Amino acid sequence: MVQPEKILNQRTILRNDQHISQVFIKWSNLPSVDSTWEDLTFIQA
């Protein structure tokens, strides 16, 4: 099972005229190269 292990960075992007907070996630059991940007609301759900 893949779960968030660590937040590496944060940013805010503009999508459809809305500011969206995102976090760069290091996933457990995956190498760092597979880290991804995810919407903060997705991670908090």
PDB file of N, CA and C in Angstrom:
ATOM      1  N   MET A   1       0.852  -1.185   0.000  1.00  0.00           N
ATOM      2  CA  MET A   1       0.000   0.000   0.000  1.00  0.00           C
ATOM      3  C   MET A   1       0.891   1.240   0.000  1.00  0.00           C
ATOM      4  N   VAL A   2       0.525   2.201  -0.814  1.00  0.00           N
ATOM      5  CA  VAL A   2       1.286   3.442  -0.904  1.00  0.00           C
ATOM      6  C   VAL A   2       0.562   4.520  -0.105  1.00  0.00           C
ATOM      7  N   GLN A   3       1.315   5.162   0.800  1.00  0.00           N
ATOM      8  CA  GLN A   3       0.766   6.220   1.635  1.00  0.00           C
ATOM      9  C   GLN A   3       1.738   7.386   1.648  1.00  0.00           C
ATOM     10  N   PRO A   4       1.247   8.594   1.920  1.00  0.00           N
ATOM     11  CA  PRO A   4       2.170   9.719   2.037  1.00  0.00           C
ATOM     12  C   PRO A   4       3.168   9.466   3.167  1.00  0.00           C
ATOM     13  N   GLU A   5       4.426   9.698   2.880  1.00  0.00           N
ATOM     14  CA  GLU A   5       5.479   9.525   3.883  1.00  0.00           C
ATOM     15  C   GLU A   5       5.961  10.874   4.409  1.00  0.00           C
ATOM     16  N   LYS A   6       6.100  11.834   3.485  1.00  0.00           N
ATOM     17  CA  LYS A   6       6.674  13.123   3.868  1.00  0.00           C
ATOM     18  C   LYS A   6       6.278  14.188   2.860  1.00  0.00           C
ATOM     19  N   ILE A   7       6.008  15.401   3.357  1.00  0.00           N
ATOM     20  CA  ILE A   7       5.779  16.552   2.482  1.00  0.00           C
ATOM     21  C   ILE A   7       7.130  17.196   2.231  1.00  0.00           C
ATOM     22  N   LEU A   8       7.500  17.285   0.958  1.00  0.00           N
ATOM     23  CA  LEU A   8       8.811  17.824   0.589  1.00  0.00           C
ATOM     24  C   LEU A   8       8.778  19.308   0.240  1.00  0.00           C
ATOM     25  N   ASN A   9       7.608  19.786  -0.224  1.00  0.00           N
ATOM     26  CA  ASN A   9       7.514  21.171  -0.650  1.00  0.00           C
ATOM     27  C   ASN A   9       6.049  21.572  -0.735  1.00  0.00           C
ATOM     28  N   GLN A  10       5.787  22.877  -0.864  1.00  0.00           N
ATOM     29  CA  GLN A  10       4.429  23.394  -1.023  1.00  0.00           C
ATOM     30  C   GLN A  10       4.434  24.448  -2.109  1.00  0.00           C
ATOM     31  N   ARG A  11       3.292  24.609  -2.775  1.00  0.00           N
ATOM     32  CA  ARG A  11       3.144  25.672  -3.775  1.00  0.00           C
ATOM     33  C   ARG A  11       1.665  25.996  -3.928  1.00  0.00           C
ATOM     34  N   THR A  12       1.396  27.136  -4.569  1.00  0.00           N
ATOM     35  CA  THR A  12       0.038  27.524  -4.925  1.00  0.00           C
ATOM     36  C   THR A  12       0.009  27.726  -6.426  1.00  0.00           C
ATOM     37  N   ILE A  13      -0.963  27.089  -7.074  1.00  0.00           N
ATOM     38  CA  ILE A  13      -1.110  27.236  -8.518  1.00  0.00           C
ATOM     39  C   ILE A  13      -2.448  27.887  -8.821  1.00  0.00           C
ATOM     40  N   LEU A  14      -2.592  28.380 -10.030  1.00  0.00           N
ATOM     41  CA  LEU A  14      -3.845  28.964 -10.485  1.00  0.00           C
ATOM     42  C   LEU A  14      -4.503  27.981 -11.444  1.00  0.00           C
ATOM     43  N   ARG A  15      -5.703  27.527 -11.098  1.00  0.00           N
ATOM     44  CA  ARG A  15      -6.454  26.590 -11.926  1.00  0.00           C
ATOM     45  C   ARG A  15      -7.877  27.113 -12.057  1.00  0.00           C
ATOM     46  N   ASN A  16      -8.285  27.383 -13.289  1.00  0.00           N
ATOM     47  CA  ASN A  16      -9.633  27.921 -13.552  1.00  0.00           C
ATOM     48  C   ASN A  16      -9.928  29.150 -12.685  1.00  0.00           C
ATOM     49  N   ASP A  17      -8.982  30.065 -12.631  1.00  0.00           N
ATOM     50  CA  ASP A  17      -9.112  31.322 -11.875  1.00  0.00           C
ATOM     51  C   ASP A  17      -9.237  31.119 -10.361  1.00  0.00           C
ATOM     52  N   GLN A  18      -8.831  29.952  -9.859  1.00  0.00           N
ATOM     53  CA  GLN A  18      -8.834  29.699  -8.416  1.00  0.00           C
ATOM     54  C   GLN A  18      -7.428  29.338  -7.967  1.00  0.00           C
ATOM     55  N   HIS A  19      -7.037  29.821  -6.797  1.00  0.00           N
ATOM     56  CA  HIS A  19      -5.749  29.456  -6.214  1.00  0.00           C
ATOM     57  C   HIS A  19      -5.881  28.100  -5.521  1.00  0.00           C
ATOM     58  N   ILE A  20      -5.026  27.174  -5.889  1.00  0.00           N
ATOM     59  CA  ILE A  20      -5.055  25.810  -5.359  1.00  0.00           C
ATOM     60  C   ILE A  20      -3.741  25.541  -4.630  1.00  0.00           C
ATOM     61  N   SER A  21      -3.828  25.158  -3.367  1.00  0.00           N
ATOM     62  CA  SER A  21      -2.648  24.780  -2.598  1.00  0.00           C
ATOM     63  C   SER A  21      -2.273  23.341  -2.928  1.00  0.00           C
ATOM     64  N   GLN A  22      -0.994  23.121  -3.193  1.00  0.00           N
ATOM     65  CA  GLN A  22      -0.504  21.773  -3.486  1.00  0.00           C
ATOM     66  C   GLN A  22       0.700  21.459  -2.612  1.00  0.00           C
ATOM     67  N   VAL A  23       0.912  20.167  -2.392  1.00  0.00           N
ATOM     68  CA  VAL A  23       2.079  19.693  -1.654  1.00  0.00           C
ATOM     69  C   VAL A  23       2.793  18.638  -2.497  1.00  0.00           C
ATOM     70  N   PHE A  24       4.111  18.614  -2.395  1.00  0.00           N
ATOM     71  CA  PHE A  24       4.931  17.639  -3.109  1.00  0.00           C
ATOM     72  C   PHE A  24       5.179  16.487  -2.145  1.00  0.00           C
ATOM     73  N   ILE A  25       4.652  15.311  -2.479  1.00  0.00           N
ATOM     74  CA  ILE A  25       4.611  14.167  -1.572  1.00  0.00           C
ATOM     75  C   ILE A  25       5.656  13.129  -1.928  1.00  0.00           C
ATOM     76  N   LYS A  26       6.408  12.701  -0.923  1.00  0.00           N
ATOM     77  CA  LYS A  26       7.256  11.503  -1.013  1.00  0.00           C
ATOM     78  C   LYS A  26       6.386  10.367  -0.524  1.00  0.00           C
ATOM     79  N   TRP A  27       6.154   9.375  -1.410  1.00  0.00           N
ATOM     80  CA  TRP A  27       5.281   8.251  -1.088  1.00  0.00           C
ATOM     81  C   TRP A  27       6.083   7.127  -0.453  1.00  0.00           C
ATOM     82  N   SER A  28       5.475   6.463   0.547  1.00  0.00           N
ATOM     83  CA  SER A  28       6.135   5.329   1.195  1.00  0.00           C
ATOM     84  C   SER A  28       6.297   4.201   0.179  1.00  0.00           C
ATOM     85  N   ASN A  29       7.357   3.453   0.329  1.00  0.00           N
ATOM     86  CA  ASN A  29       7.662   2.293  -0.521  1.00  0.00           C
ATOM     87  C   ASN A  29       7.913   2.643  -1.980  1.00  0.00           C
ATOM     88  N   LEU A  30       8.125   3.933  -2.294  1.00  0.00           N
ATOM     89  CA  LEU A  30       8.476   4.346  -3.653  1.00  0.00           C
ATOM     90  C   LEU A  30       9.726   5.220  -3.598  1.00  0.00           C
ATOM     91  N   PRO A  31      10.536   5.209  -4.648  1.00  0.00           N
ATOM     92  CA  PRO A  31      11.724   6.074  -4.658  1.00  0.00           C
ATOM     93  C   PRO A  31      11.339   7.548  -4.773  1.00  0.00           C
ATOM     94  N   SER A  32      12.235   8.413  -4.386  1.00  0.00           N
ATOM     95  CA  SER A  32      11.977   9.860  -4.408  1.00  0.00           C
ATOM     96  C   SER A  32      11.612  10.364  -5.795  1.00  0.00           C
ATOM     97  N   VAL A  33      12.143   9.730  -6.810  1.00  0.00           N
ATOM     98  CA  VAL A  33      11.861  10.152  -8.181  1.00  0.00           C
ATOM     99  C   VAL A  33      10.367  10.019  -8.508  1.00  0.00           C
ATOM    100  N   ASP A  34       9.641   9.218  -7.769  1.00  0.00           N
ATOM    101  CA  ASP A  34       8.204   9.041  -7.976  1.00  0.00           C
ATOM    102  C   ASP A  34       7.353   9.956  -7.101  1.00  0.00           C
ATOM    103  N   SER A  35       7.953  10.945  -6.475  1.00  0.00           N
ATOM    104  CA  SER A  35       7.196  11.931  -5.697  1.00  0.00           C
ATOM    105  C   SER A  35       6.313  12.737  -6.644  1.00  0.00           C
ATOM    106  N   THR A  36       5.158  13.180  -6.136  1.00  0.00           N
ATOM    107  CA  THR A  36       4.193  13.882  -6.991  1.00  0.00           C
ATOM    108  C   THR A  36       3.595  15.106  -6.296  1.00  0.00           C
ATOM    109  N   TRP A  37       3.169  16.058  -7.122  1.00  0.00           N
ATOM    110  CA  TRP A  37       2.395  17.191  -6.622  1.00  0.00           C
ATOM    111  C   TRP A  37       0.945  16.761  -6.495  1.00  0.00           C
ATOM    112  N   GLU A  38       0.352  17.025  -5.344  1.00  0.00           N
ATOM    113  CA  GLU A  38      -1.054  16.681  -5.084  1.00  0.00           C
ATOM    114  C   GLU A  38      -1.762  17.889  -4.475  1.00  0.00           C
ATOM    115  N   ASP A  39      -3.033  18.049  -4.823  1.00  0.00           N
ATOM    116  CA  ASP A  39      -3.833  19.106  -4.206  1.00  0.00           C
ATOM    117  C   ASP A  39      -3.936  18.834  -2.707  1.00  0.00           C
ATOM    118  N   LEU A  40      -3.782  19.875  -1.914  1.00  0.00           N
ATOM    119  CA  LEU A  40      -3.856  19.721  -0.466  1.00  0.00           C
ATOM    120  C   LEU A  40      -5.192  19.138  -0.029  1.00  0.00           C
ATOM    121  N   THR A  41      -6.279  19.509  -0.696  1.00  0.00           N
ATOM    122  CA  THR A  41      -7.595  18.967  -0.341  1.00  0.00           C
ATOM    123  C   THR A  41      -7.649  17.446  -0.560  1.00  0.00           C
ATOM    124  N   PHE A  42      -6.915  16.936  -1.559  1.00  0.00           N
ATOM    125  CA  PHE A  42      -6.852  15.494  -1.802  1.00  0.00           C
ATOM    126  C   PHE A  42      -6.157  14.799  -0.653  1.00  0.00           C
ATOM    127  N   ILE A  43      -5.085  15.367  -0.141  1.00  0.00           N
ATOM    128  CA  ILE A  43      -4.305  14.762   0.939  1.00  0.00           C
ATOM    129  C   ILE A  43      -5.086  14.820   2.256  1.00  0.00           C
ATOM    130  N   GLN A  44      -5.856  15.865   2.479  1.00  0.00           N
ATOM    131  CA  GLN A  44      -6.591  16.016   3.729  1.00  0.00           C
ATOM    132  C   GLN A  44      -7.843  15.163   3.770  1.00  0.00           C
ATOM    133  N   ALA A  45      -8.282  14.654   2.635  1.00  0.00           N
ATOM    134  CA  ALA A  45      -9.522  13.855   2.577  1.00  0.00           C
ATOM    135  C   ALA A  45      -9.327  12.473   3.170  1.00  0.00           C
TER     136      ALA A  45
END
